[in-house]
Amino acid sequence: MEGIPESIAVLLVGGDTIRAAIDSGRIYRFSVRSARFRTADSLGAGTPLSRLLSEAGVYATTGEGAVFVWSASRCGLGFRLWDPTAAREMAWDPGGLGDAPDSVGVAQLRLLPQSTTLGEVIVVGCRQKDRDAPA
């Protein structure tokens, strides 16, 4: 939840750390900032945003002062955006992106600097009904 303190467990996995958010004694989200961890098709921290924008069903949401990209084909995975040249999360306002109420379209995402990368992978899990939902 935005702006609400949460319990975090820092897990050591393969010599790197993964943050696990905990609620009611259960992990409900993993946050991965290490480039060592990748999806089966090699998406992870440091991947250029342009690679994800080539997929169908991509959209973004804003919250916690950041921009998160999601893809209908990647149920349960989100990606926090990062601009390595500015060394900060995407939280400024190019074309209204930083202050968008909920969802941001691909056209707005294409306005971001070409240096924009996936800075963090958010793993929230995927239920079968989520996977089959229309985009």
Protein backbone atom coordinates (compact mmCIF):
# COMPACT_ATOMS: atom_id res chain seq x y z
CA MET A 1 0.00 0.00 0.00
CA GLU A 2 1.26 3.42 -0.88
CA GLY A 3 2.89 5.28 1.98
CA ILE A 4 2.07 2.62 4.56
CA PRO A 5 4.97 0.95 6.39
CA GLU A 6 5.35 -2.73 5.61
CA SER A 7 7.31 -5.66 6.96
CA ILE A 8 10.19 -6.66 4.69
CA ALA A 9 12.36 -9.76 4.81
CA VAL A 10 15.68 -9.52 3.00
CA LEU A 11 16.50 -12.91 1.50
CA LEU A 12 19.98 -13.97 0.46
CA VAL A 13 19.68 -15.93 -2.79
CA GLY A 14 22.73 -17.01 -4.75
CA GLY A 15 24.86 -14.31 -3.16
CA ASP A 16 22.34 -11.56 -3.98
CA THR A 17 19.40 -10.13 -2.08
CA ILE A 18 15.69 -10.19 -2.80
CA ARG A 19 13.22 -8.19 -0.74
CA ALA A 20 10.04 -9.98 0.32
CA ALA A 21 7.05 -7.94 1.53
CA ILE A 22 5.08 -9.71 4.26
CA ASP A 23 1.48 -9.29 5.40
CA SER A 24 -0.35 -11.49 7.91
CA GLY A 25 2.63 -13.84 8.04
CA ARG A 26 2.70 -14.43 4.26
CA ILE A 27 4.94 -13.12 1.50
CA TYR A 28 2.80 -11.27 -1.03
CA ARG A 29 5.47 -9.57 -3.15
CA PHE A 30 9.11 -10.01 -4.10
CA SER A 31 11.25 -7.10 -5.29
CA VAL A 32 14.34 -7.94 -7.32
CA ARG A 33 16.87 -5.22 -8.18
CA SER A 34 19.80 -7.45 -9.09
CA ALA A 35 20.56 -7.93 -12.78
CA ARG A 36 21.56 -11.54 -11.95
CA PHE A 37 17.92 -12.65 -11.78
CA ARG A 38 16.13 -12.83 -15.14
CA THR A 39 12.92 -14.16 -16.63
CA ALA A 40 13.20 -17.19 -18.94
CA ASP A 41 13.49 -14.77 -21.89
CA SER A 42 16.10 -12.62 -20.10
CA LEU A 43 14.08 -9.63 -18.81
CA GLY A 44 15.34 -8.14 -15.57
CA ALA A 45 16.93 -5.11 -13.97
CA GLY A 46 18.90 -3.22 -16.57
CA THR A 47 16.82 -4.35 -19.57
CA PRO A 48 15.93 -1.41 -21.84
CA LEU A 49 12.27 -0.36 -21.61
CA SER A 50 12.13 -0.44 -25.42
CA ARG A 51 12.33 -4.23 -25.34
CA LEU A 52 9.19 -4.51 -23.22
CA LEU A 53 7.35 -1.91 -25.31
CA SER A 54 7.56 -4.21 -28.33
CA GLU A 55 5.11 -6.60 -26.62
CA ALA A 56 1.34 -6.39 -26.97
CA GLY A 57 -0.76 -5.46 -23.93
CA VAL A 58 1.84 -3.30 -22.18
CA TYR A 59 0.65 -0.54 -19.85
CA ALA A 60 1.97 1.36 -16.87
CA THR A 61 0.69 2.49 -13.52
CA THR A 62 2.04 5.15 -11.23
CA GLY A 63 2.35 5.00 -7.47
CA GLU A 64 4.79 5.35 -4.62
CA GLY A 65 6.50 8.11 -6.63
CA ALA A 66 7.44 5.69 -9.41
CA VAL A 67 6.23 4.25 -12.71
CA PHE A 68 5.57 0.51 -13.04
CA VAL A 69 5.19 -1.29 -16.38
CA TRP A 70 3.00 -4.38 -16.69
CA SER A 71 2.30 -6.73 -19.58
CA ALA A 72 -0.76 -8.87 -20.20
CA SER A 73 1.53 -11.68 -21.32
CA ARG A 74 3.55 -11.54 -18.08
CA CYS A 75 0.90 -12.17 -15.46
CA GLY A 76 2.18 -11.43 -11.96
CA LEU A 77 5.29 -9.51 -13.03
CA GLY A 78 5.75 -5.75 -13.00
CA PHE A 79 8.79 -3.62 -13.68
CA ARG A 80 9.70 -0.38 -11.91
CA LEU A 81 11.27 2.04 -14.39
CA TRP A 82 14.68 3.62 -13.92
CA ASP A 83 16.67 6.24 -15.81
CA PRO A 84 20.34 5.32 -15.34
CA THR A 85 21.55 8.66 -16.74
CA ALA A 86 19.62 10.52 -14.04
CA ALA A 87 20.26 7.77 -11.46
CA ARG A 88 16.69 7.92 -10.23
CA GLU A 89 13.33 6.26 -10.56
CA MET A 90 10.92 7.52 -13.17
CA ALA A 91 8.99 9.95 -11.01
CA TRP A 92 9.24 13.20 -12.93
CA ASP A 93 6.54 14.42 -15.26
CA PRO A 94 7.30 13.88 -18.98
CA GLY A 95 3.99 14.50 -20.73
CA GLY A 96 2.00 14.08 -17.53
CA LEU A 97 3.39 10.62 -16.82
CA GLY A 98 4.51 11.24 -13.25
CA ASP A 99 1.11 12.55 -12.19
CA ALA A 100 -1.05 10.09 -14.11
CA PRO A 101 -3.97 8.91 -11.98
CA ASP A 102 -3.77 5.16 -12.56
CA SER A 103 -2.87 3.85 -15.97
CA VAL A 104 -0.48 5.12 -18.61
CA GLY A 105 -0.53 4.05 -22.24
CA VAL A 106 2.28 2.88 -24.50
CA ALA A 107 2.32 6.19 -26.40
CA GLN A 108 3.23 8.02 -23.18
CA LEU A 109 5.84 5.40 -22.29
CA ARG A 110 7.51 5.94 -25.67
CA LEU A 111 8.08 9.60 -24.66
CA LEU A 112 10.47 8.56 -21.89
CA PRO A 113 14.23 8.88 -22.49
CA GLN A 114 15.78 6.05 -24.52
CA SER A 115 18.05 5.37 -21.55
CA THR A 116 15.05 4.19 -19.49
CA THR A 117 15.51 0.66 -18.18
CA LEU A 118 13.69 -1.81 -16.00
CA GLY A 119 15.13 -1.00 -12.60
CA GLU A 120 13.35 -3.54 -10.46
CA VAL A 121 11.22 -6.62 -11.06
CA ILE A 122 8.11 -6.88 -8.90
CA VAL A 123 6.75 -10.42 -8.49
CA VAL A 124 3.19 -10.57 -7.16
CA GLY A 125 2.16 -14.00 -8.41
CA CYS A 126 -0.47 -14.95 -10.94
CA ARG A 127 -3.74 -16.72 -10.43
CA GLN A 128 -5.16 -18.62 -13.40
CA LYS A 129 -8.20 -16.32 -13.56
CA ASP A 130 -5.80 -13.31 -13.84
CA ARG A 131 -3.99 -14.97 -16.72
CA ASP A 132 -7.24 -15.52 -18.65
CA ALA A 133 -8.68 -12.04 -18.04
CA PRO A 134 -9.02 -9.81 -21.09
CA ALA A 135 -6.39 -7.08 -21.31
